[in-house]
PDB file of N, CA and C in Angstrom:
ATOM      1  N   MET A   1      44.723  51.518 -17.972  1.00  0.00           N
ATOM      2  CA  MET A   1      45.715  50.704 -18.500  1.00  0.00           C
ATOM      3  C   MET A   1      45.740  49.375 -19.235  1.00  0.00           C
ATOM      4  N   LYS A   2      46.341  49.337 -20.201  1.00  0.00           N
ATOM      5  CA  LYS A   2      46.542  47.894 -21.456  1.00  0.00           C
ATOM      6  C   LYS A   2      46.863  46.701 -20.273  1.00  0.00           C
ATOM      7  N   LYS A   3      45.838  46.123 -21.359  1.00  0.00           N
ATOM      8  CA  LYS A   3      46.200  44.721 -20.686  1.00  0.00           C
ATOM      9  C   LYS A   3      47.322  43.790 -21.947  1.00  0.00           C
ATOM     10  N   ILE A   4      47.911  43.506 -21.766  1.00  0.00           N
ATOM     11  CA  ILE A   4      49.256  43.094 -22.539  1.00  0.00           C
ATOM     12  C   ILE A   4      49.021  41.497 -22.661  1.00  0.00           C
ATOM     13  N   ARG A   5      49.003  41.029 -23.567  1.00  0.00           N
ATOM     14  CA  ARG A   5      48.966  39.271 -23.568  1.00  0.00           C
ATOM     15  C   ARG A   5      50.262  39.076 -24.451  1.00  0.00           C
ATOM     16  N   ILE A   6      51.088  37.908 -24.048  1.00  0.00           N
ATOM     17  CA  ILE A   6      52.117  37.473 -24.258  1.00  0.00           C
ATOM     18  C   ILE A   6      52.341  35.774 -25.197  1.00  0.00           C
ATOM     19  N   VAL A   7      52.311  35.563 -25.976  1.00  0.00           N
ATOM     20  CA  VAL A   7      53.116  34.975 -27.246  1.00  0.00           C
ATOM     21  C   VAL A   7      54.141  34.235 -27.764  1.00  0.00           C
ATOM     22  N   THR A   8      54.137  32.931 -27.409  1.00  0.00           N
ATOM     23  CA  THR A   8      55.942  32.940 -27.789  1.00  0.00           C
ATOM     24  C   THR A   8      55.114  30.900 -28.859  1.00  0.00           C
ATOM     25  N   ASP A   9      56.656  30.837 -29.321  1.00  0.00           N
ATOM     26  CA  ASP A   9      56.127  28.955 -29.732  1.00  0.00           C
ATOM     27  C   ASP A   9      56.742  28.223 -28.933  1.00  0.00           C
ATOM     28  N   SER A  10      56.717  27.375 -29.245  1.00  0.00           N
ATOM     29  CA  SER A  10      56.442  26.052 -28.550  1.00  0.00           C
ATOM     30  C   SER A  10      59.244  26.133 -27.815  1.00  0.00           C
ATOM     31  N   SER A  11      59.245  26.891 -29.114  1.00  0.00           N
ATOM     32  CA  SER A  11      60.805  26.549 -28.545  1.00  0.00           C
ATOM     33  C   SER A  11      61.893  27.166 -27.584  1.00  0.00           C
ATOM     34  N   CYS A  12      60.521  27.909 -26.521  1.00  0.00           N
ATOM     35  CA  CYS A  12      60.613  28.999 -25.285  1.00  0.00           C
ATOM     36  C   CYS A  12      61.173  28.355 -24.945  1.00  0.00           C
ATOM     37  N   ASP A  13      60.801  26.944 -24.278  1.00  0.00           N
ATOM     38  CA  ASP A  13      61.401  25.643 -22.968  1.00  0.00           C
ATOM     39  C   ASP A  13      60.743  26.314 -22.072  1.00  0.00           C
ATOM     40  N   LEU A  14      60.253  27.059 -22.062  1.00  0.00           N
ATOM     41  CA  LEU A  14      59.710  28.100 -20.446  1.00  0.00           C
ATOM     42  C   LEU A  14      58.859  26.843 -19.363  1.00  0.00           C
ATOM     43  N   ASN A  15      59.212  27.193 -18.143  1.00  0.00           N
ATOM     44  CA  ASN A  15      58.733  26.097 -17.467  1.00  0.00           C
ATOM     45  C   ASN A  15      57.433  26.914 -16.852  1.00  0.00           C
ATOM     46  N   LYS A  16      56.483  25.632 -16.820  1.00  0.00           N
ATOM     47  CA  LYS A  16      54.839  25.268 -16.951  1.00  0.00           C
ATOM     48  C   LYS A  16      54.432  26.681 -16.119  1.00  0.00           C
ATOM     49  N   ASP A  17      56.098  26.752 -14.496  1.00  0.00           N
ATOM     50  CA  ASP A  17      55.017  28.285 -13.470  1.00  0.00           C
ATOM     51  C   ASP A  17      54.975  29.493 -14.188  1.00  0.00           C
ATOM     52  N   ILE A  18      56.187  29.839 -15.209  1.00  0.00           N
ATOM     53  CA  ILE A  18      56.118  30.753 -15.521  1.00  0.00           C
ATOM     54  C   ILE A  18      54.934  31.127 -16.690  1.00  0.00           C
ATOM     55  N   VAL A  19      55.047  29.810 -17.290  1.00  0.00           N
ATOM     56  CA  VAL A  19      53.714  29.926 -18.121  1.00  0.00           C
ATOM     57  C   VAL A  19      52.357  30.667 -17.430  1.00  0.00           C
ATOM     58  N   GLU A  20      52.398  29.944 -16.454  1.00  0.00           N
ATOM     59  CA  GLU A  20      50.859  29.837 -16.076  1.00  0.00           C
ATOM     60  C   GLU A  20      51.240  31.145 -15.097  1.00  0.00           C
ATOM     61  N   LYS A  21      52.027  31.736 -14.708  1.00  0.00           N
ATOM     62  CA  LYS A  21      52.105  32.732 -13.123  1.00  0.00           C
ATOM     63  C   LYS A  21      51.686  34.178 -14.573  1.00  0.00           C
ATOM     64  N   TYR A  22      51.900  33.969 -15.399  1.00  0.00           N
ATOM     65  CA  TYR A  22      52.123  35.536 -16.669  1.00  0.00           C
ATOM     66  C   TYR A  22      51.083  34.758 -18.175  1.00  0.00           C
ATOM     67  N   ASN A  23      50.559  33.579 -17.059  1.00  0.00           N
ATOM     68  CA  ASN A  23      49.895  33.648 -18.868  1.00  0.00           C
ATOM     69  C   ASN A  23      50.126  33.812 -19.959  1.00  0.00           C
ATOM     70  N   ILE A  24      50.692  33.536 -20.405  1.00  0.00           N
ATOM     71  CA  ILE A  24      51.577  33.378 -21.397  1.00  0.00           C
ATOM     72  C   ILE A  24      50.923  31.981 -22.418  1.00  0.00           C
ATOM     73  N   GLU A  25      50.676  32.571 -24.340  1.00  0.00           N
ATOM     74  CA  GLU A  25      50.279  31.885 -24.834  1.00  0.00           C
ATOM     75  C   GLU A  25      51.336  30.774 -25.443  1.00  0.00           C
ATOM     76  N   ILE A  26      51.195  29.867 -25.770  1.00  0.00           N
ATOM     77  CA  ILE A  26      52.479  28.815 -26.124  1.00  0.00           C
ATOM     78  C   ILE A  26      52.151  28.537 -27.611  1.00  0.00           C
ATOM     79  N   VAL A  27      52.080  29.228 -28.608  1.00  0.00           N
ATOM     80  CA  VAL A  27      52.096  28.747 -30.460  1.00  0.00           C
ATOM     81  C   VAL A  27      52.747  27.362 -30.993  1.00  0.00           C
ATOM     82  N   PRO A  28      52.299  25.907 -30.267  1.00  0.00           N
ATOM     83  CA  PRO A  28      53.258  24.884 -30.887  1.00  0.00           C
ATOM     84  C   PRO A  28      53.785  24.313 -32.114  1.00  0.00           C
ATOM     85  N   LEU A  29      54.883  24.332 -32.248  1.00  0.00           N
ATOM     86  CA  LEU A  29      55.524  23.881 -33.258  1.00  0.00           C
ATOM     87  C   LEU A  29      54.855  22.428 -34.504  1.00  0.00           C
ATOM     88  N   ASN A  30      55.245  22.005 -34.748  1.00  0.00           N
ATOM     89  CA  ASN A  30      55.190  20.803 -35.487  1.00  0.00           C
ATOM     90  C   ASN A  30      56.657  20.034 -35.530  1.00  0.00           C
ATOM     91  N   VAL A  31      55.881  18.371 -35.842  1.00  0.00           N
ATOM     92  CA  VAL A  31      57.785  17.929 -35.167  1.00  0.00           C
ATOM     93  C   VAL A  31      57.046  16.594 -36.554  1.00  0.00           C
ATOM     94  N   ALA A  32      57.976  16.209 -37.417  1.00  0.00           N
ATOM     95  CA  ALA A  32      57.897  15.133 -38.060  1.00  0.00           C
ATOM     96  C   ALA A  32      58.935  14.176 -37.481  1.00  0.00           C
ATOM     97  N   PHE A  33      58.864  12.767 -38.549  1.00  0.00           N
ATOM     98  CA  PHE A  33      59.114  11.723 -38.425  1.00  0.00           C
ATOM     99  C   PHE A  33      58.824  11.218 -39.564  1.00  0.00           C
ATOM    100  N   GLY A  34      59.456  11.408 -40.268  1.00  0.00           N
ATOM    101  CA  GLY A  34      59.157  10.940 -41.853  1.00  0.00           C
ATOM    102  C   GLY A  34      57.625  11.566 -42.294  1.00  0.00           C
ATOM    103  N   ASP A  35      56.407  10.884 -42.516  1.00  0.00           N
ATOM    104  CA  ASP A  35      55.077  11.025 -43.129  1.00  0.00           C
ATOM    105  C   ASP A  35      54.439  11.285 -41.461  1.00  0.00           C
ATOM    106  N   ASP A  36      54.697  11.177 -40.537  1.00  0.00           N
ATOM    107  CA  ASP A  36      53.977  11.125 -39.133  1.00  0.00           C
ATOM    108  C   ASP A  36      54.447  12.619 -38.704  1.00  0.00           C
ATOM    109  N   ILE A  37      53.175  13.317 -38.114  1.00  0.00           N
ATOM    110  CA  ILE A  37      53.540  14.672 -37.633  1.00  0.00           C
ATOM    111  C   ILE A  37      53.047  14.476 -36.855  1.00  0.00           C
ATOM    112  N   TYR A  38      53.879  15.274 -35.373  1.00  0.00           N
ATOM    113  CA  TYR A  38      52.543  15.337 -34.453  1.00  0.00           C
ATOM    114  C   TYR A  38      53.160  16.338 -34.394  1.00  0.00           C
ATOM    115  N   THR A  39      52.331  17.195 -32.918  1.00  0.00           N
ATOM    116  CA  THR A  39      52.311  18.827 -32.269  1.00  0.00           C
ATOM    117  C   THR A  39      52.951  18.976 -31.331  1.00  0.00           C
ATOM    118  N   ASP A  40      53.925  19.636 -31.235  1.00  0.00           N
ATOM    119  CA  ASP A  40      55.104  19.789 -29.780  1.00  0.00           C
ATOM    120  C   ASP A  40      54.183  19.520 -28.739  1.00  0.00           C
ATOM    121  N   GLY A  41      54.430  18.716 -27.725  1.00  0.00           N
ATOM    122  CA  GLY A  41      53.689  18.729 -26.576  1.00  0.00           C
ATOM    123  C   GLY A  41      52.757  17.480 -27.164  1.00  0.00           C
ATOM    124  N   GLU A  42      52.670  16.527 -28.277  1.00  0.00           N
ATOM    125  CA  GLU A  42      51.681  15.428 -27.566  1.00  0.00           C
ATOM    126  C   GLU A  42      52.508  14.037 -27.680  1.00  0.00           C
ATOM    127  N   ILE A  43      53.185  14.329 -27.768  1.00  0.00           N
ATOM    128  CA  ILE A  43      54.092  12.938 -27.109  1.00  0.00           C
ATOM    129  C   ILE A  43      55.316  13.832 -26.166  1.00  0.00           C
ATOM    130  N   GLU A  44      55.440  12.641 -25.412  1.00  0.00           N
ATOM    131  CA  GLU A  44      56.038  12.912 -24.128  1.00  0.00           C
ATOM    132  C   GLU A  44      57.604  13.387 -24.147  1.00  0.00           C
ATOM    133  N   LYS A  45      58.502  13.156 -23.826  1.00  0.00           N
ATOM    134  CA  LYS A  45      59.610  14.087 -24.399  1.00  0.00           C
ATOM    135  C   LYS A  45      60.303  11.867 -24.377  1.00  0.00           C
ATOM    136  N   ASP A  46      60.557  11.721 -23.483  1.00  0.00           N
ATOM    137  CA  ASP A  46      60.719   9.816 -23.222  1.00  0.00           C
ATOM    138  C   ASP A  46      61.016   9.029 -24.410  1.00  0.00           C
ATOM    139  N   GLU A  47      59.272   9.684 -24.951  1.00  0.00           N
ATOM    140  CA  GLU A  47      58.557   8.873 -26.050  1.00  0.00           C
ATOM    141  C   GLU A  47      59.755   9.627 -27.749  1.00  0.00           C
ATOM    142  N   PHE A  48      59.590  11.144 -27.303  1.00  0.00           N
ATOM    143  CA  PHE A  48      61.133  11.624 -28.490  1.00  0.00           C
ATOM    144  C   PHE A  48      61.831  11.019 -28.971  1.00  0.00           C
ATOM    145  N   TYR A  49      62.457  10.783 -27.508  1.00  0.00           N
ATOM    146  CA  TYR A  49      63.635  10.107 -27.650  1.00  0.00           C
ATOM    147  C   TYR A  49      64.059   8.825 -28.013  1.00  0.00           C
ATOM    148  N   LYS A  50      63.146   8.031 -27.136  1.00  0.00           N
ATOM    149  CA  LYS A  50      62.530   6.737 -28.079  1.00  0.00           C
ATOM    150  C   LYS A  50      63.057   6.559 -29.086  1.00  0.00           C
ATOM    151  N   MET A  51      61.977   7.873 -30.147  1.00  0.00           N
ATOM    152  CA  MET A  51      61.447   7.479 -31.668  1.00  0.00           C
ATOM    153  C   MET A  51      62.436   8.461 -32.468  1.00  0.00           C
ATOM    154  N   MET A  52      63.229   8.926 -31.476  1.00  0.00           N
ATOM    155  CA  MET A  52      64.609   9.563 -32.427  1.00  0.00           C
ATOM    156  C   MET A  52      65.501   8.429 -31.938  1.00  0.00           C
ATOM    157  N   ALA A  53      66.139   7.982 -30.991  1.00  0.00           N
ATOM    158  CA  ALA A  53      66.468   6.303 -31.683  1.00  0.00           C
ATOM    159  C   ALA A  53      66.718   5.541 -32.440  1.00  0.00           C
ATOM    160  N   ASN A  54      65.015   4.925 -32.799  1.00  0.00           N
ATOM    161  CA  ASN A  54      64.704   4.304 -33.564  1.00  0.00           C
ATOM    162  C   ASN A  54      64.854   4.648 -35.149  1.00  0.00           C
ATOM    163  N   SER A  55      64.530   5.844 -35.035  1.00  0.00           N
ATOM    164  CA  SER A  55      63.978   6.813 -37.054  1.00  0.00           C
ATOM    165  C   SER A  55      65.557   6.716 -37.695  1.00  0.00           C
ATOM    166  N   PRO A  56      65.628   5.789 -38.558  1.00  0.00           N
ATOM    167  CA  PRO A  56      66.948   5.938 -39.886  1.00  0.00           C
ATOM    168  C   PRO A  56      66.481   7.680 -39.890  1.00  0.00           C
ATOM    169  N   VAL A  57      65.187   8.338 -40.001  1.00  0.00           N
ATOM    170  CA  VAL A  57      65.384  10.052 -40.326  1.00  0.00           C
ATOM    171  C   VAL A  57      65.974  10.674 -39.216  1.00  0.00           C
ATOM    172  N   LEU A  58      66.124  11.545 -38.813  1.00  0.00           N
ATOM    173  CA  LEU A  58      66.070  12.672 -37.755  1.00  0.00           C
ATOM    174  C   LEU A  58      64.806  13.581 -38.250  1.00  0.00           C
ATOM    175  N   PRO A  59      64.554  13.499 -36.903  1.00  0.00           N
ATOM    176  CA  PRO A  59      62.863  14.661 -37.242  1.00  0.00           C
ATOM    177  C   PRO A  59      63.549  16.696 -37.301  1.00  0.00           C
ATOM    178  N   LYS A  60      62.206  16.472 -37.684  1.00  0.00           N
ATOM    179  CA  LYS A  60      61.833  17.947 -38.395  1.00  0.00           C
ATOM    180  C   LYS A  60      60.959  18.597 -37.899  1.00  0.00           C
ATOM    181  N   THR A  61      61.501  20.110 -37.656  1.00  0.00           N
ATOM    182  CA  THR A  61      60.596  21.124 -37.403  1.00  0.00           C
ATOM    183  C   THR A  61      59.566  21.957 -38.160  1.00  0.00           C
ATOM    184  N   SER A  62      58.045  22.410 -38.307  1.00  0.00           N
ATOM    185  CA  SER A  62      57.926  23.171 -39.785  1.00  0.00           C
ATOM    186  C   SER A  62      56.442  23.974 -38.437  1.00  0.00           C
ATOM    187  N   CYS A  63      56.701  25.063 -39.230  1.00  0.00           N
ATOM    188  CA  CYS A  63      55.787  26.124 -38.182  1.00  0.00           C
ATOM    189  C   CYS A  63      54.966  26.046 -38.296  1.00  0.00           C
ATOM    190  N   PRO A  64      54.107  26.871 -36.761  1.00  0.00           N
ATOM    191  CA  PRO A  64      52.101  26.579 -37.196  1.00  0.00           C
ATOM    192  C   PRO A  64      51.575  27.561 -37.860  1.00  0.00           C
ATOM    193  N   SER A  65      50.613  26.846 -38.141  1.00  0.00           N
ATOM    194  CA  SER A  65      50.122  27.680 -39.580  1.00  0.00           C
ATOM    195  C   SER A  65      49.431  29.338 -39.127  1.00  0.00           C
ATOM    196  N   PRO A  66      49.312  29.964 -39.882  1.00  0.00           N
ATOM    197  CA  PRO A  66      48.993  31.490 -39.940  1.00  0.00           C
ATOM    198  C   PRO A  66      47.502  31.516 -38.514  1.00  0.00           C
ATOM    199  N   GLU A  67      47.042  30.402 -39.011  1.00  0.00           N
ATOM    200  CA  GLU A  67      45.207  30.844 -38.094  1.00  0.00           C
ATOM    201  C   GLU A  67      45.741  30.265 -37.375  1.00  0.00           C
ATOM    202  N   ARG A  68      46.914  29.413 -36.817  1.00  0.00           N
ATOM    203  CA  ARG A  68      46.859  28.934 -35.677  1.00  0.00           C
ATOM    204  C   ARG A  68      47.511  30.138 -35.049  1.00  0.00           C
ATOM    205  N   PHE A  69      48.434  30.609 -34.944  1.00  0.00           N
ATOM    206  CA  PHE A  69      49.220  31.848 -34.460  1.00  0.00           C
ATOM    207  C   PHE A  69      48.280  33.757 -34.767  1.00  0.00           C
ATOM    208  N   MET A  70      46.681  33.226 -35.196  1.00  0.00           N
ATOM    209  CA  MET A  70      45.685  34.390 -34.998  1.00  0.00           C
ATOM    210  C   MET A  70      44.939  34.254 -33.750  1.00  0.00           C
ATOM    211  N   ARG A  71      44.912  32.174 -33.501  1.00  0.00           N
ATOM    212  CA  ARG A  71      44.071  32.291 -32.372  1.00  0.00           C
ATOM    213  C   ARG A  71      44.326  32.992 -30.938  1.00  0.00           C
ATOM    214  N   SER A  72      45.989  32.489 -30.968  1.00  0.00           N
ATOM    215  CA  SER A  72      46.580  32.707 -30.036  1.00  0.00           C
ATOM    216  C   SER A  72      46.317  34.576 -29.851  1.00  0.00           C
ATOM    217  N   TYR A  73      46.434  35.167 -30.595  1.00  0.00           N
ATOM    218  CA  TYR A  73      45.907  36.767 -30.546  1.00  0.00           C
ATOM    219  C   TYR A  73      44.754  37.188 -29.932  1.00  0.00           C
ATOM    220  N   GLU A  74      43.742  36.903 -29.975  1.00  0.00           N
ATOM    221  CA  GLU A  74      42.190  36.508 -29.547  1.00  0.00           C
ATOM    222  C   GLU A  74      42.070  36.185 -27.862  1.00  0.00           C
ATOM    223  N   GLY A  75      41.346  37.114 -27.864  1.00  0.00           N
ATOM    224  CA  GLY A  75      41.301  37.322 -26.213  1.00  0.00           C
ATOM    225  C   GLY A  75      40.775  38.891 -25.759  1.00  0.00           C
ATOM    226  N   GLU A  76      40.814  39.007 -24.955  1.00  0.00           N
ATOM    227  CA  GLU A  76      40.137  40.902 -24.249  1.00  0.00           C
ATOM    228  C   GLU A  76      41.933  41.527 -24.085  1.00  0.00           C
ATOM    229  N   GLU A  77      43.020  41.455 -24.533  1.00  0.00           N
ATOM    230  CA  GLU A  77      44.243  41.647 -24.075  1.00  0.00           C
ATOM    231  C   GLU A  77      44.030  43.070 -25.398  1.00  0.00           C
ATOM    232  N   ASP A  78      45.060  44.329 -24.988  1.00  0.00           N
ATOM    233  CA  ASP A  78      44.752  45.946 -26.343  1.00  0.00           C
ATOM    234  C   ASP A  78      46.246  45.000 -26.412  1.00  0.00           C
ATOM    235  N   GLU A  79      46.705  44.442 -25.874  1.00  0.00           N
ATOM    236  CA  GLU A  79      47.584  44.236 -26.820  1.00  0.00           C
ATOM    237  C   GLU A  79      48.307  42.841 -27.095  1.00  0.00           C
ATOM    238  N   ILE A  80      49.142  42.558 -28.187  1.00  0.00           N
ATOM    239  CA  ILE A  80      50.528  41.617 -28.398  1.00  0.00           C
ATOM    240  C   ILE A  80      51.253  41.444 -27.502  1.00  0.00           C
ATOM    241  N   LEU A  81      52.598  40.645 -27.235  1.00  0.00           N
ATOM    242  CA  LEU A  81      53.881  41.007 -27.890  1.00  0.00           C
ATOM    243  C   LEU A  81      54.150  39.692 -27.764  1.00  0.00           C
ATOM    244  N   VAL A  82      54.614  38.999 -29.766  1.00  0.00           N
ATOM    245  CA  VAL A  82      54.948  38.078 -29.640  1.00  0.00           C
ATOM    246  C   VAL A  82      56.080  37.376 -29.516  1.00  0.00           C
ATOM    247  N   ILE A  83      56.933  36.579 -28.823  1.00  0.00           N
ATOM    248  CA  ILE A  83      58.183  36.257 -29.133  1.00  0.00           C
ATOM    249  C   ILE A  83      58.117  34.903 -29.660  1.00  0.00           C
ATOM    250  N   THR A  84      58.783  34.632 -30.923  1.00  0.00           N
ATOM    251  CA  THR A  84      59.369  34.038 -31.836  1.00  0.00           C
ATOM    252  C   THR A  84      61.178  33.018 -32.159  1.00  0.00           C
ATOM    253  N   LEU A  85      61.731  32.991 -32.380  1.00  0.00           N
ATOM    254  CA  LEU A  85      62.587  31.967 -33.290  1.00  0.00           C
ATOM    255  C   LEU A  85      62.867  33.181 -34.262  1.00  0.00           C
ATOM    256  N   ALA A  86      64.231  33.301 -34.218  1.00  0.00           N
ATOM    257  CA  ALA A  86      64.916  34.289 -35.149  1.00  0.00           C
ATOM    258  C   ALA A  86      64.012  33.982 -36.857  1.00  0.00           C
ATOM    259  N   SER A  87      63.893  35.083 -37.738  1.00  0.00           N
ATOM    260  CA  SER A  87      63.563  34.754 -38.871  1.00  0.00           C
ATOM    261  C   SER A  87      64.744  33.950 -39.591  1.00  0.00           C
ATOM    262  N   LYS A  88      65.744  34.059 -38.850  1.00  0.00           N
ATOM    263  CA  LYS A  88      66.823  33.680 -39.875  1.00  0.00           C
ATOM    264  C   LYS A  88      66.824  32.008 -39.561  1.00  0.00           C
ATOM    265  N   LEU A  89      66.092  31.550 -38.823  1.00  0.00           N
ATOM    266  CA  LEU A  89      66.609  30.185 -38.210  1.00  0.00           C
ATOM    267  C   LEU A  89      65.288  29.436 -38.627  1.00  0.00           C
ATOM    268  N   SER A  90      63.934  30.038 -38.482  1.00  0.00           N
ATOM    269  CA  SER A  90      62.647  29.380 -38.690  1.00  0.00           C
ATOM    270  C   SER A  90      62.143  29.888 -38.897  1.00  0.00           C
ATOM    271  N   GLY A  91      61.069  29.779 -40.110  1.00  0.00           N
ATOM    272  CA  GLY A  91      59.896  29.889 -40.675  1.00  0.00           C
ATOM    273  C   GLY A  91      58.954  30.966 -39.746  1.00  0.00           C
ATOM    274  N   THR A  92      58.703  30.510 -38.618  1.00  0.00           N
ATOM    275  CA  THR A  92      57.906  30.816 -37.666  1.00  0.00           C
ATOM    276  C   THR A  92      57.584  32.431 -37.917  1.00  0.00           C
ATOM    277  N   TYR A  93      58.419  32.978 -37.396  1.00  0.00           N
ATOM    278  CA  TYR A  93      58.488  34.890 -37.668  1.00  0.00           C
ATOM    279  C   TYR A  93      58.002  35.058 -38.342  1.00  0.00           C
ATOM    280  N   SER A  94      58.184  34.810 -39.264  1.00  0.00           N
ATOM    281  CA  SER A  94      57.193  34.909 -41.121  1.00  0.00           C
ATOM    282  C   SER A  94      55.798  34.886 -41.060  1.00  0.00           C
ATOM    283  N   THR A  95      55.304  33.777 -40.420  1.00  0.00           N
ATOM    284  CA  THR A  95      53.666  32.850 -39.740  1.00  0.00           C
ATOM    285  C   THR A  95      53.546  34.374 -39.293  1.00  0.00           C
ATOM    286  N   ALA A  96      54.068  33.981 -37.682  1.00  0.00           N
ATOM    287  CA  ALA A  96      53.499  35.089 -36.746  1.00  0.00           C
ATOM    288  C   ALA A  96      53.124  36.426 -37.717  1.00  0.00           C
ATOM    289  N   VAL A  97      53.893  36.744 -38.458  1.00  0.00           N
ATOM    290  CA  VAL A  97      53.835  38.424 -38.883  1.00  0.00           C
ATOM    291  C   VAL A  97      52.481  38.316 -40.288  1.00  0.00           C
ATOM    292  N   LEU A  98      52.336  37.285 -40.341  1.00  0.00           N
ATOM    293  CA  LEU A  98      51.576  37.211 -41.575  1.00  0.00           C
ATOM    294  C   LEU A  98      50.320  37.504 -40.408  1.00  0.00           C
ATOM    295  N   ALA A  99      50.304  36.079 -39.800  1.00  0.00           N
ATOM    296  CA  ALA A  99      49.342  36.349 -38.778  1.00  0.00           C
ATOM    297  C   ALA A  99      49.185  37.558 -38.336  1.00  0.00           C
ATOM    298  N   LYS A 100      49.838  38.430 -37.903  1.00  0.00           N
ATOM    299  CA  LYS A 100      49.830  39.800 -37.143  1.00  0.00           C
ATOM    300  C   LYS A 100      48.790  40.636 -38.167  1.00  0.00           C
ATOM    301  N   ASN A 101      49.300  40.856 -39.573  1.00  0.00           N
ATOM    302  CA  ASN A 101      48.147  41.176 -40.347  1.00  0.00           C
ATOM    303  C   ASN A 101      47.055  41.056 -41.199  1.00  0.00           C
ATOM    304  N   MET A 102      46.552  40.042 -40.712  1.00  0.00           N
ATOM    305  CA  MET A 102      45.390  39.498 -40.863  1.00  0.00           C
ATOM    306  C   MET A 102      45.317  39.547 -39.372  1.00  0.00           C
ATOM    307  N   PHE A 103      45.295  39.287 -38.575  1.00  0.00           N
ATOM    308  CA  PHE A 103      44.576  39.710 -37.130  1.00  0.00           C
ATOM    309  C   PHE A 103      43.932  40.888 -36.959  1.00  0.00           C
ATOM    310  N   GLU A 104      45.355  42.324 -37.320  1.00  0.00           N
ATOM    311  CA  GLU A 104      44.785  43.142 -37.029  1.00  0.00           C
ATOM    312  C   GLU A 104      43.926  44.330 -38.390  1.00  0.00           C
ATOM    313  N   GLU A 105      43.906  43.347 -39.972  1.00  0.00           N
ATOM    314  CA  GLU A 105      43.176  43.909 -40.627  1.00  0.00           C
ATOM    315  C   GLU A 105      41.858  43.215 -39.771  1.00  0.00           C
ATOM    316  N   GLU A 106      41.525  42.471 -39.841  1.00  0.00           N
ATOM    317  CA  GLU A 106      40.122  41.818 -38.683  1.00  0.00           C
ATOM    318  C   GLU A 106      39.033  42.771 -37.001  1.00  0.00           C
ATOM    319  N   TYR A 107      40.834  42.994 -37.021  1.00  0.00           N
ATOM    320  CA  TYR A 107      40.797  43.683 -35.414  1.00  0.00           C
ATOM    321  C   TYR A 107      41.634  45.009 -35.125  1.00  0.00           C
ATOM    322  N   PRO A 108      41.282  45.720 -35.867  1.00  0.00           N
ATOM    323  CA  PRO A 108      42.094  47.647 -35.762  1.00  0.00           C
ATOM    324  C   PRO A 108      42.079  48.151 -34.845  1.00  0.00           C
ATOM    325  N   ASN A 109      41.194  47.754 -33.928  1.00  0.00           N
ATOM    326  CA  ASN A 109      41.543  48.204 -32.482  1.00  0.00           C
ATOM    327  C   ASN A 109      42.965  47.914 -31.546  1.00  0.00           C
ATOM    328  N   LYS A 110      43.161  46.128 -32.028  1.00  0.00           N
ATOM    329  CA  LYS A 110      43.896  45.512 -30.816  1.00  0.00           C
ATOM    330  C   LYS A 110      45.486  46.002 -31.863  1.00  0.00           C
ATOM    331  N   LYS A 111      46.622  45.281 -31.302  1.00  0.00           N
ATOM    332  CA  LYS A 111      47.728  45.638 -31.949  1.00  0.00           C
ATOM    333  C   LYS A 111      48.880  44.635 -31.128  1.00  0.00           C
ATOM    334  N   VAL A 112      49.627  44.573 -32.583  1.00  0.00           N
ATOM    335  CA  VAL A 112      50.367  42.979 -31.946  1.00  0.00           C
ATOM    336  C   VAL A 112      51.412  43.524 -32.590  1.00  0.00           C
TER     337      VAL A 112
END
């Protein structure tokens, strides 16, 4: 029986119990307030909302690097199911596909 790993980005908003139960790998997006960049999860929600209220600019998100996605694909599983934001909403999908191509070249026995 093949083992499958589930990978998603931090826009998924899954609760901790589901993530732990199914061993889901969450690749964090980046959040920028002006020149200050945070990895999603680095700051608590309360702090995020305070920053949003006090900042003259709205926060922006950016996608994880292909290397970060590649690290999330590593493991003993035979296949990896990747679920991201839609390609029209974010560059995260394109980054995940780029990482998939790089990963499958390096590990031809794995399927993403």
